[in-house]
């Protein structure tokens, strides 16, 4: 579903290693143009990476926002143990986000896509102080849909008996190039070399642990609603991971802004980046308006 048009940073953005109190993370960062209105921290979804936000940096920089997109622990270019699932417990990943926000050096607008949204929620529930707002992109109130749970279970089972390269080949065999609608399994770029490299960079233990989280996540909307932080629920107009009525209801329960980006599915950040960037900036501008 998330198919970045490129893995090459756009003008004004650069890839680097980001040092925090909880270790080093790979990031793509772009400075704001002109007066800086705020700073944004982007968290990718299951099997995704910082590149899933690559088309948002330029329009958001032009609107005055510094943007930092991060590979989480064990994702793509960020290090993490390959055989210790306990390192990827949701609480551990949430504490990583708090450390990342602290290292950014200023309160941030936190944005999580899919799995990243649930990790973002967990971080806010641990400590909302570092955050100006929270945006959940295509990230629902609890576990993923039954059909997506089946896909994730197949992946988790495969990872227990095959290495990452073998699983990649199995995915390609199951999903022909013209039919790559694989939930968060990102296999749809024309030049598949970058996607294969990203896949091989993931920690198997991270995929197994976070896949289990997606299938068992409880509904914590009431807890999040009690946190006095501006909230935004954004999605495409189609989503088979969390159906739209579920996202609509969650937005009501959170008293959150609700945005539907037309012409996009589970990854509006890659399907319709200009519309997504505009919706994000409009929300943040309203949050910061006296």
C-alpha atoms as a PDB file:
ATOM      1  CA  UNK A   1       0.000   0.000   0.000  1.00  0.00           C
ATOM      2  CA  UNK A   2       2.682   2.576   0.886  1.00  0.00           C
ATOM      3  CA  UNK A   3       4.625   3.009  -2.334  1.00  0.00           C
ATOM      4  CA  UNK A   4       7.061   5.932  -2.100  1.00  0.00           C
ATOM      5  CA  UNK A   5       7.807   7.321  -5.537  1.00  0.00           C
ATOM      6  CA  UNK A   6      11.506   7.355  -4.702  1.00  0.00           C
ATOM      7  CA  UNK A   7      13.991   6.549  -1.967  1.00  0.00           C
ATOM      8  CA  UNK A   8      16.088   9.607  -2.881  1.00  0.00           C
ATOM      9  CA  UNK A   9      15.592  12.541  -0.489  1.00  0.00           C
ATOM     10  CA  UNK A  10      13.958  15.567  -2.132  1.00  0.00           C
ATOM     11  CA  UNK A  11      15.627  18.958  -2.375  1.00  0.00           C
ATOM     12  CA  UNK A  12      16.097  20.421   1.071  1.00  0.00           C
ATOM     13  CA  UNK A  13      15.897  17.053   2.889  1.00  0.00           C
ATOM     14  CA  UNK A  14      18.803  14.943   4.039  1.00  0.00           C
ATOM     15  CA  UNK A  15      19.237  11.474   5.502  1.00  0.00           C
ATOM     16  CA  UNK A  16      21.301  11.151   8.646  1.00  0.00           C
ATOM     17  CA  UNK A  17      21.700   9.266  11.908  1.00  0.00           C
ATOM     18  CA  UNK A  18      19.781  10.701  14.834  1.00  0.00           C
ATOM     19  CA  UNK A  19      21.275  10.163  18.289  1.00  0.00           C
ATOM     20  CA  UNK A  20      18.883   9.843  21.248  1.00  0.00           C
ATOM     21  CA  UNK A  21      19.038   8.697  24.849  1.00  0.00           C
ATOM     22  CA  UNK A  22      17.696   5.329  23.656  1.00  0.00           C
ATOM     23  CA  UNK A  23      20.071   4.804  20.755  1.00  0.00           C
ATOM     24  CA  UNK A  24      20.544   5.846  17.161  1.00  0.00           C
ATOM     25  CA  UNK A  25      17.804   6.098  14.549  1.00  0.00           C
ATOM     26  CA  UNK A  26      17.860   6.721  10.812  1.00  0.00           C
ATOM     27  CA  UNK A  27      15.881   9.806   9.787  1.00  0.00           C
ATOM     28  CA  UNK A  28      15.019  11.974   6.830  1.00  0.00           C
ATOM     29  CA  UNK A  29      14.880  15.605   7.880  1.00  0.00           C
ATOM     30  CA  UNK A  30      13.976  18.835   6.108  1.00  0.00           C
ATOM     31  CA  UNK A  31      14.261  22.355   7.485  1.00  0.00           C
ATOM     32  CA  UNK A  32      11.387  24.807   7.282  1.00  0.00           C
ATOM     33  CA  UNK A  33      11.576  27.533   4.676  1.00  0.00           C
ATOM     34  CA  UNK A  34      11.372  31.022   6.098  1.00  0.00           C
ATOM     35  CA  UNK A  35       9.763  31.402   9.501  1.00  0.00           C
ATOM     36  CA  UNK A  36       9.450  28.036  11.255  1.00  0.00           C
ATOM     37  CA  UNK A  37       5.898  27.398  12.423  1.00  0.00           C
ATOM     38  CA  UNK A  38       6.573  24.057  14.054  1.00  0.00           C
ATOM     39  CA  UNK A  39       8.316  20.694  13.969  1.00  0.00           C
ATOM     40  CA  UNK A  40       6.802  17.385  12.890  1.00  0.00           C
ATOM     41  CA  UNK A  41       7.823  13.831  13.830  1.00  0.00           C
ATOM     42  CA  UNK A  42       6.586  11.099  11.446  1.00  0.00           C
ATOM     43  CA  UNK A  43       6.323   7.420  12.448  1.00  0.00           C
ATOM     44  CA  UNK A  44       5.887   4.810   9.666  1.00  0.00           C
ATOM     45  CA  UNK A  45       3.680   1.739   9.600  1.00  0.00           C
ATOM     46  CA  UNK A  46       4.233  -2.008   9.563  1.00  0.00           C
ATOM     47  CA  UNK A  47       6.940  -2.949   6.999  1.00  0.00           C
ATOM     48  CA  UNK A  48       7.186   0.755   6.148  1.00  0.00           C
ATOM     49  CA  UNK A  49       9.952   3.301   6.624  1.00  0.00           C
ATOM     50  CA  UNK A  50      10.758   6.996   6.788  1.00  0.00           C
ATOM     51  CA  UNK A  51      10.510   7.082   2.969  1.00  0.00           C
ATOM     52  CA  UNK A  52       6.732   6.669   3.230  1.00  0.00           C
ATOM     53  CA  UNK A  53       6.627  10.427   3.998  1.00  0.00           C
ATOM     54  CA  UNK A  54       9.182  11.440   1.367  1.00  0.00           C
ATOM     55  CA  UNK A  55       6.717  13.438  -0.732  1.00  0.00           C
ATOM     56  CA  UNK A  56       5.518  15.491   2.263  1.00  0.00           C
ATOM     57  CA  UNK A  57       8.809  17.211   3.123  1.00  0.00           C
ATOM     58  CA  UNK A  58       8.827  19.840   0.368  1.00  0.00           C
ATOM     59  CA  UNK A  59       5.233  21.091   0.680  1.00  0.00           C
ATOM     60  CA  UNK A  60       5.412  21.146   4.484  1.00  0.00           C
ATOM     61  CA  UNK A  61       8.772  22.936   4.450  1.00  0.00           C
ATOM     62  CA  UNK A  62       7.245  25.536   2.143  1.00  0.00           C
ATOM     63  CA  UNK A  63       4.483  25.986   4.725  1.00  0.00           C
ATOM     64  CA  UNK A  64       7.001  26.611   7.499  1.00  0.00           C
ATOM     65  CA  UNK A  65       7.341  23.163   9.078  1.00  0.00           C
ATOM     66  CA  UNK A  66      10.524  21.324   9.942  1.00  0.00           C
ATOM     67  CA  UNK A  67       9.916  17.624   9.259  1.00  0.00           C
ATOM     68  CA  UNK A  68      11.647  14.585  10.762  1.00  0.00           C
ATOM     69  CA  UNK A  69      10.642  11.114   9.515  1.00  0.00           C
ATOM     70  CA  UNK A  70      12.152   8.217  11.423  1.00  0.00           C
ATOM     71  CA  UNK A  71      12.778   4.507  10.978  1.00  0.00           C
ATOM     72  CA  UNK A  72      11.728   2.918  14.251  1.00  0.00           C
ATOM     73  CA  UNK A  73      13.873   0.431  16.094  1.00  0.00           C
ATOM     74  CA  UNK A  74      14.466  -2.573  13.814  1.00  0.00           C
ATOM     75  CA  UNK A  75      12.870  -0.832  10.801  1.00  0.00           C
ATOM     76  CA  UNK A  76      14.896  -0.533   7.587  1.00  0.00           C
ATOM     77  CA  UNK A  77      17.995   1.541   8.449  1.00  0.00           C
ATOM     78  CA  UNK A  78      17.588   1.800  12.232  1.00  0.00           C
ATOM     79  CA  UNK A  79      19.416  -0.894  14.208  1.00  0.00           C
ATOM     80  CA  UNK A  80      17.602  -3.400  16.373  1.00  0.00           C
ATOM     81  CA  UNK A  81      18.018  -7.013  17.532  1.00  0.00           C
ATOM     82  CA  UNK A  82      16.935  -9.554  14.936  1.00  0.00           C
ATOM     83  CA  UNK A  83      15.915 -12.331  17.329  1.00  0.00           C
ATOM     84  CA  UNK A  84      14.681 -10.639  20.529  1.00  0.00           C
ATOM     85  CA  UNK A  85      10.973  -9.862  20.321  1.00  0.00           C
ATOM     86  CA  UNK A  86      10.926  -8.259  23.784  1.00  0.00           C
ATOM     87  CA  UNK A  87      12.902  -5.313  22.380  1.00  0.00           C
ATOM     88  CA  UNK A  88       9.835  -4.443  20.292  1.00  0.00           C
ATOM     89  CA  UNK A  89       7.162  -4.461  22.971  1.00  0.00           C
ATOM     90  CA  UNK A  90       4.850  -1.512  22.377  1.00  0.00           C
ATOM     91  CA  UNK A  91       6.010   0.190  25.567  1.00  0.00           C
ATOM     92  CA  UNK A  92       9.621   0.011  24.406  1.00  0.00           C
ATOM     93  CA  UNK A  93       8.753   1.507  21.022  1.00  0.00           C
ATOM     94  CA  UNK A  94       6.710   4.247  22.696  1.00  0.00           C
ATOM     95  CA  UNK A  95       9.666   5.165  24.910  1.00  0.00           C
ATOM     96  CA  UNK A  96      11.791   5.364  21.754  1.00  0.00           C
ATOM     97  CA  UNK A  97       9.347   7.952  20.397  1.00  0.00           C
ATOM     98  CA  UNK A  98       9.601  10.002  23.596  1.00  0.00           C
ATOM     99  CA  UNK A  99      13.401   9.907  23.273  1.00  0.00           C
ATOM    100  CA  UNK A 100      13.175  10.961  19.610  1.00  0.00           C
ATOM    101  CA  UNK A 101      10.905  13.863  20.492  1.00  0.00           C
ATOM    102  CA  UNK A 102      13.312  14.913  23.242  1.00  0.00           C
ATOM    103  CA  UNK A 103      16.258  14.776  20.838  1.00  0.00           C
ATOM    104  CA  UNK A 104      14.411  16.955  18.311  1.00  0.00           C
ATOM    105  CA  UNK A 105      14.716  19.675  20.919  1.00  0.00           C
ATOM    106  CA  UNK A 106      11.295  21.300  20.610  1.00  0.00           C
ATOM    107  CA  UNK A 107       7.676  20.221  21.125  1.00  0.00           C
ATOM    108  CA  UNK A 108       6.491  18.322  18.053  1.00  0.00           C
ATOM    109  CA  UNK A 109       3.385  17.584  16.070  1.00  0.00           C
ATOM    110  CA  UNK A 110       3.354  13.788  16.228  1.00  0.00           C
ATOM    111  CA  UNK A 111       2.099  11.858  13.184  1.00  0.00           C
ATOM    112  CA  UNK A 112       1.793   8.062  13.002  1.00  0.00           C
ATOM    113  CA  UNK A 113       0.743   6.006  10.003  1.00  0.00           C
ATOM    114  CA  UNK A 114      -1.060   2.691  10.657  1.00  0.00           C
ATOM    115  CA  UNK A 115       1.085   0.761  13.177  1.00  0.00           C
ATOM    116  CA  UNK A 116       2.967   4.021  13.721  1.00  0.00           C
ATOM    117  CA  UNK A 117      -0.300   5.588  14.846  1.00  0.00           C
ATOM    118  CA  UNK A 118      -0.767   3.001  17.561  1.00  0.00           C
ATOM    119  CA  UNK A 119       2.823   3.479  18.725  1.00  0.00           C
ATOM    120  CA  UNK A 120       2.262   7.257  18.684  1.00  0.00           C
ATOM    121  CA  UNK A 121      -0.867   6.794  20.791  1.00  0.00           C
ATOM    122  CA  UNK A 122       1.078   4.712  23.304  1.00  0.00           C
ATOM    123  CA  UNK A 123       3.767   7.410  23.526  1.00  0.00           C
ATOM    124  CA  UNK A 124       1.187  10.146  24.142  1.00  0.00           C
ATOM    125  CA  UNK A 125      -0.455   8.043  26.838  1.00  0.00           C
ATOM    126  CA  UNK A 126       2.919   7.607  28.549  1.00  0.00           C
ATOM    127  CA  UNK A 127       3.729  11.322  28.436  1.00  0.00           C
ATOM    128  CA  UNK A 128       1.907  13.930  26.339  1.00  0.00           C
ATOM    129  CA  UNK A 129       4.213  16.790  27.375  1.00  0.00           C
ATOM    130  CA  UNK A 130       6.576  16.685  24.329  1.00  0.00           C
ATOM    131  CA  UNK A 131       3.714  16.943  21.827  1.00  0.00           C
ATOM    132  CA  UNK A 132       1.750  19.835  20.362  1.00  0.00           C
ATOM    133  CA  UNK A 133      -0.762  17.611  18.566  1.00  0.00           C
ATOM    134  CA  UNK A 134      -1.385  14.026  17.448  1.00  0.00           C
ATOM    135  CA  UNK A 135      -2.407  12.922  13.951  1.00  0.00           C
ATOM    136  CA  UNK A 136      -3.356   9.303  13.260  1.00  0.00           C
ATOM    137  CA  UNK A 137      -3.117   8.416   9.557  1.00  0.00           C
ATOM    138  CA  UNK A 138      -5.119   5.303   8.630  1.00  0.00           C
ATOM    139  CA  UNK A 139      -4.716   4.009  12.172  1.00  0.00           C
ATOM    140  CA  UNK A 140      -7.732   2.623  13.983  1.00  0.00           C
ATOM    141  CA  UNK A 141      -9.002   2.227  17.541  1.00  0.00           C
ATOM    142  CA  UNK A 142      -7.995  -1.392  18.144  1.00  0.00           C
ATOM    143  CA  UNK A 143      -6.884  -4.489  16.212  1.00  0.00           C
ATOM    144  CA  UNK A 144      -6.790  -4.597  12.410  1.00  0.00           C
ATOM    145  CA  UNK A 145      -9.556  -6.188  10.329  1.00  0.00           C
ATOM    146  CA  UNK A 146      -9.964  -9.965  10.220  1.00  0.00           C
ATOM    147  CA  UNK A 147      -8.704 -10.200   6.626  1.00  0.00           C
ATOM    148  CA  UNK A 148      -5.546  -8.255   7.484  1.00  0.00           C
ATOM    149  CA  UNK A 149      -5.025 -10.350  10.604  1.00  0.00           C
ATOM    150  CA  UNK A 150      -4.914 -13.406   8.351  1.00  0.00           C
ATOM    151  CA  UNK A 151      -2.246 -11.780   6.167  1.00  0.00           C
ATOM    152  CA  UNK A 152      -0.149 -10.789   9.159  1.00  0.00           C
ATOM    153  CA  UNK A 153      -0.439 -14.281  10.652  1.00  0.00           C
ATOM    154  CA  UNK A 154       0.788 -15.792   7.372  1.00  0.00           C
ATOM    155  CA  UNK A 155       3.770 -13.455   7.467  1.00  0.00           C
ATOM    156  CA  UNK A 156       4.572 -14.210  11.095  1.00  0.00           C
ATOM    157  CA  UNK A 157       4.364 -17.953  10.448  1.00  0.00           C
ATOM    158  CA  UNK A 158       6.627 -17.626   7.415  1.00  0.00           C
ATOM    159  CA  UNK A 159       9.236 -15.683   9.374  1.00  0.00           C
ATOM    160  CA  UNK A 160       9.578 -18.545  11.844  1.00  0.00           C
ATOM    161  CA  UNK A 161      10.709 -20.986   9.127  1.00  0.00           C
ATOM    162  CA  UNK A 162      12.266 -18.791   6.394  1.00  0.00           C
ATOM    163  CA  UNK A 163      14.823 -16.018   6.267  1.00  0.00           C
ATOM    164  CA  UNK A 164      13.944 -12.527   5.090  1.00  0.00           C
ATOM    165  CA  UNK A 165      15.114 -13.098   1.510  1.00  0.00           C
ATOM    166  CA  UNK A 166      13.037 -16.260   1.219  1.00  0.00           C
ATOM    167  CA  UNK A 167       9.952 -14.509   2.589  1.00  0.00           C
ATOM    168  CA  UNK A 168      10.435 -11.677   0.093  1.00  0.00           C
ATOM    169  CA  UNK A 169      10.515 -14.143  -2.784  1.00  0.00           C
ATOM    170  CA  UNK A 170       7.398 -15.841  -1.443  1.00  0.00           C
ATOM    171  CA  UNK A 171       5.585 -12.497  -1.286  1.00  0.00           C
ATOM    172  CA  UNK A 172       6.540 -11.748  -4.879  1.00  0.00           C
ATOM    173  CA  UNK A 173       5.322 -15.144  -6.021  1.00  0.00           C
ATOM    174  CA  UNK A 174       1.983 -14.640  -4.283  1.00  0.00           C
ATOM    175  CA  UNK A 175       1.486 -11.040  -5.419  1.00  0.00           C
ATOM    176  CA  UNK A 176       1.985 -10.425  -9.163  1.00  0.00           C
ATOM    177  CA  UNK A 177       3.195  -6.920 -10.118  1.00  0.00           C
ATOM    178  CA  UNK A 178      -0.252  -5.792 -11.280  1.00  0.00           C
ATOM    179  CA  UNK A 179      -1.901  -6.872  -8.010  1.00  0.00           C
ATOM    180  CA  UNK A 180       0.116  -5.602  -5.055  1.00  0.00           C
ATOM    181  CA  UNK A 181      -2.629  -4.546  -2.645  1.00  0.00           C
ATOM    182  CA  UNK A 182      -0.996  -6.196   0.350  1.00  0.00           C
ATOM    183  CA  UNK A 183      -2.086  -4.106   3.300  1.00  0.00           C
ATOM    184  CA  UNK A 184       1.088  -2.734   4.872  1.00  0.00           C
ATOM    185  CA  UNK A 185       3.310  -5.145   2.896  1.00  0.00           C
ATOM    186  CA  UNK A 186       4.973  -2.615   0.608  1.00  0.00           C
ATOM    187  CA  UNK A 187       5.708  -4.430  -2.662  1.00  0.00           C
ATOM    188  CA  UNK A 188       4.358  -2.172  -5.380  1.00  0.00           C
ATOM    189  CA  UNK A 189       7.169   0.092  -6.619  1.00  0.00           C
ATOM    190  CA  UNK A 190       8.155  -0.293 -10.272  1.00  0.00           C
ATOM    191  CA  UNK A 191      11.817  -0.444  -9.322  1.00  0.00           C
ATOM    192  CA  UNK A 192      11.538  -3.202  -6.728  1.00  0.00           C
ATOM    193  CA  UNK A 193      15.220  -3.143  -5.755  1.00  0.00           C
ATOM    194  CA  UNK A 194      14.690  -0.368  -3.195  1.00  0.00           C
ATOM    195  CA  UNK A 195      11.701  -2.165  -1.709  1.00  0.00           C
ATOM    196  CA  UNK A 196      13.636  -5.415  -1.472  1.00  0.00           C
ATOM    197  CA  UNK A 197      16.519  -3.604   0.227  1.00  0.00           C
ATOM    198  CA  UNK A 198      14.090  -2.028   2.689  1.00  0.00           C
ATOM    199  CA  UNK A 199      12.441  -5.391   3.373  1.00  0.00           C
ATOM    200  CA  UNK A 200      15.794  -7.058   4.059  1.00  0.00           C
ATOM    201  CA  UNK A 201      16.719  -4.270   6.455  1.00  0.00           C
ATOM    202  CA  UNK A 202      13.800  -5.054   8.752  1.00  0.00           C
ATOM    203  CA  UNK A 203      14.380  -7.146  11.844  1.00  0.00           C
ATOM    204  CA  UNK A 204      12.367 -10.404  11.745  1.00  0.00           C
ATOM    205  CA  UNK A 205      11.757 -10.099  15.494  1.00  0.00           C
ATOM    206  CA  UNK A 206      10.385  -6.584  14.988  1.00  0.00           C
ATOM    207  CA  UNK A 207       7.954  -7.769  12.301  1.00  0.00           C
ATOM    208  CA  UNK A 208       6.778 -10.702  14.409  1.00  0.00           C
ATOM    209  CA  UNK A 209       6.317  -8.597  17.553  1.00  0.00           C
ATOM    210  CA  UNK A 210       4.616  -5.629  15.901  1.00  0.00           C
ATOM    211  CA  UNK A 211       2.492  -7.923  13.733  1.00  0.00           C
ATOM    212  CA  UNK A 212       1.199  -9.510  16.904  1.00  0.00           C
ATOM    213  CA  UNK A 213       0.440  -6.055  18.305  1.00  0.00           C
ATOM    214  CA  UNK A 214      -1.623  -5.177  15.233  1.00  0.00           C
ATOM    215  CA  UNK A 215      -3.708  -8.305  15.733  1.00  0.00           C
ATOM    216  CA  UNK A 216      -4.270  -7.870  19.480  1.00  0.00           C
ATOM    217  CA  UNK A 217      -4.278  -4.096  20.134  1.00  0.00           C
ATOM    218  CA  UNK A 218      -7.026  -3.156  22.607  1.00  0.00           C
ATOM    219  CA  UNK A 219      -9.325  -0.179  22.220  1.00  0.00           C
ATOM    220  CA  UNK A 220      -7.648   2.710  24.088  1.00  0.00           C
ATOM    221  CA  UNK A 221      -9.675   5.528  22.565  1.00  0.00           C
ATOM    222  CA  UNK A 222     -11.250   6.547  25.878  1.00  0.00           C
ATOM    223  CA  UNK A 223      -7.803   6.876  27.452  1.00  0.00           C
ATOM    224  CA  UNK A 224      -6.570   8.991  24.552  1.00  0.00           C
ATOM    225  CA  UNK A 225      -9.695  11.149  24.561  1.00  0.00           C
ATOM    226  CA  UNK A 226      -8.907  12.116  28.165  1.00  0.00           C
ATOM    227  CA  UNK A 227      -5.542  13.581  27.123  1.00  0.00           C
ATOM    228  CA  UNK A 228      -5.954  17.358  26.478  1.00  0.00           C
ATOM    229  CA  UNK A 229      -4.111  17.367  23.154  1.00  0.00           C
ATOM    230  CA  UNK A 230      -5.491  18.414  19.729  1.00  0.00           C
ATOM    231  CA  UNK A 231      -6.135  15.307  17.645  1.00  0.00           C
ATOM    232  CA  UNK A 232      -6.615  14.591  13.949  1.00  0.00           C
ATOM    233  CA  UNK A 233      -7.841  11.401  12.266  1.00  0.00           C
ATOM    234  CA  UNK A 234      -6.843  11.294   8.591  1.00  0.00           C
ATOM    235  CA  UNK A 235      -7.399   8.508   6.074  1.00  0.00           C
ATOM    236  CA  UNK A 236      -8.056   7.731   2.438  1.00  0.00           C
ATOM    237  CA  UNK A 237     -11.554   7.137   1.151  1.00  0.00           C
ATOM    238  CA  UNK A 238     -10.939   3.378   1.070  1.00  0.00           C
ATOM    239  CA  UNK A 239      -9.253   1.245   3.709  1.00  0.00           C
ATOM    240  CA  UNK A 240      -9.424  -2.502   4.279  1.00  0.00           C
ATOM    241  CA  UNK A 241      -7.170  -2.411   7.358  1.00  0.00           C
ATOM    242  CA  UNK A 242      -9.551  -0.322   9.474  1.00  0.00           C
ATOM    243  CA  UNK A 243     -12.906   0.325   7.733  1.00  0.00           C
ATOM    244  CA  UNK A 244     -13.822   3.998   7.347  1.00  0.00           C
ATOM    245  CA  UNK A 245     -16.904   3.857   9.623  1.00  0.00           C
ATOM    246  CA  UNK A 246     -14.598   2.686  12.404  1.00  0.00           C
ATOM    247  CA  UNK A 247     -12.264   5.658  11.811  1.00  0.00           C
ATOM    248  CA  UNK A 248     -15.249   8.044  11.644  1.00  0.00           C
ATOM    249  CA  UNK A 249     -16.525   6.773  14.980  1.00  0.00           C
ATOM    250  CA  UNK A 250     -13.065   7.006  16.554  1.00  0.00           C
ATOM    251  CA  UNK A 251     -12.758  10.642  15.484  1.00  0.00           C
ATOM    252  CA  UNK A 252     -16.075  11.426  17.174  1.00  0.00           C
ATOM    253  CA  UNK A 253     -14.993   9.657  20.353  1.00  0.00           C
ATOM    254  CA  UNK A 254     -11.730  11.617  20.352  1.00  0.00           C
ATOM    255  CA  UNK A 255     -13.401  14.927  19.492  1.00  0.00           C
ATOM    256  CA  UNK A 256     -10.790  15.011  16.726  1.00  0.00           C
ATOM    257  CA  UNK A 257     -10.644  16.708  13.356  1.00  0.00           C
ATOM    258  CA  UNK A 258     -11.598  14.206  10.640  1.00  0.00           C
ATOM    259  CA  UNK A 259     -10.055  14.372   7.164  1.00  0.00           C
ATOM    260  CA  UNK A 260     -10.723  12.017   4.246  1.00  0.00           C
ATOM    261  CA  UNK A 261      -8.219  12.340   1.396  1.00  0.00           C
ATOM    262  CA  UNK A 262     -10.070  11.381  -1.744  1.00  0.00           C
ATOM    263  CA  UNK A 263      -8.404   9.173  -4.326  1.00  0.00           C
ATOM    264  CA  UNK A 264      -6.292   7.370  -1.747  1.00  0.00           C
ATOM    265  CA  UNK A 265      -6.430   4.143   0.235  1.00  0.00           C
ATOM    266  CA  UNK A 266      -4.481   2.970   3.285  1.00  0.00           C
ATOM    267  CA  UNK A 267      -1.554   5.314   2.593  1.00  0.00           C
ATOM    268  CA  UNK A 268      -2.757   8.811   1.649  1.00  0.00           C
ATOM    269  CA  UNK A 269       0.744  10.059   2.440  1.00  0.00           C
ATOM    270  CA  UNK A 270       2.004   8.258  -0.690  1.00  0.00           C
ATOM    271  CA  UNK A 271      -1.207   8.040  -2.742  1.00  0.00           C
ATOM    272  CA  UNK A 272      -2.094  11.748  -2.531  1.00  0.00           C
ATOM    273  CA  UNK A 273       0.812  13.539  -0.829  1.00  0.00           C
ATOM    274  CA  UNK A 274      -0.143  17.098  -1.831  1.00  0.00           C
ATOM    275  CA  UNK A 275      -3.672  16.769  -0.436  1.00  0.00           C
ATOM    276  CA  UNK A 276      -2.318  15.057   2.669  1.00  0.00           C
ATOM    277  CA  UNK A 277       0.300  17.753   3.284  1.00  0.00           C
ATOM    278  CA  UNK A 278      -2.335  20.477   2.893  1.00  0.00           C
ATOM    279  CA  UNK A 279      -4.680  18.781   5.363  1.00  0.00           C
ATOM    280  CA  UNK A 280      -1.870  18.327   7.893  1.00  0.00           C
ATOM    281  CA  UNK A 281      -0.664  21.925   7.617  1.00  0.00           C
ATOM    282  CA  UNK A 282      -4.212  23.291   7.886  1.00  0.00           C
ATOM    283  CA  UNK A 283      -4.714  21.330  11.102  1.00  0.00           C
ATOM    284  CA  UNK A 284      -1.420  22.455  12.624  1.00  0.00           C
ATOM    285  CA  UNK A 285      -1.992  26.064  11.612  1.00  0.00           C
ATOM    286  CA  UNK A 286      -5.363  25.997  13.385  1.00  0.00           C
ATOM    287  CA  UNK A 287      -3.818  24.347  16.453  1.00  0.00           C
ATOM    288  CA  UNK A 288      -1.201  27.089  16.725  1.00  0.00           C
ATOM    289  CA  UNK A 289      -3.513  29.998  15.942  1.00  0.00           C
ATOM    290  CA  UNK A 290      -4.111  32.127  19.075  1.00  0.00           C
END
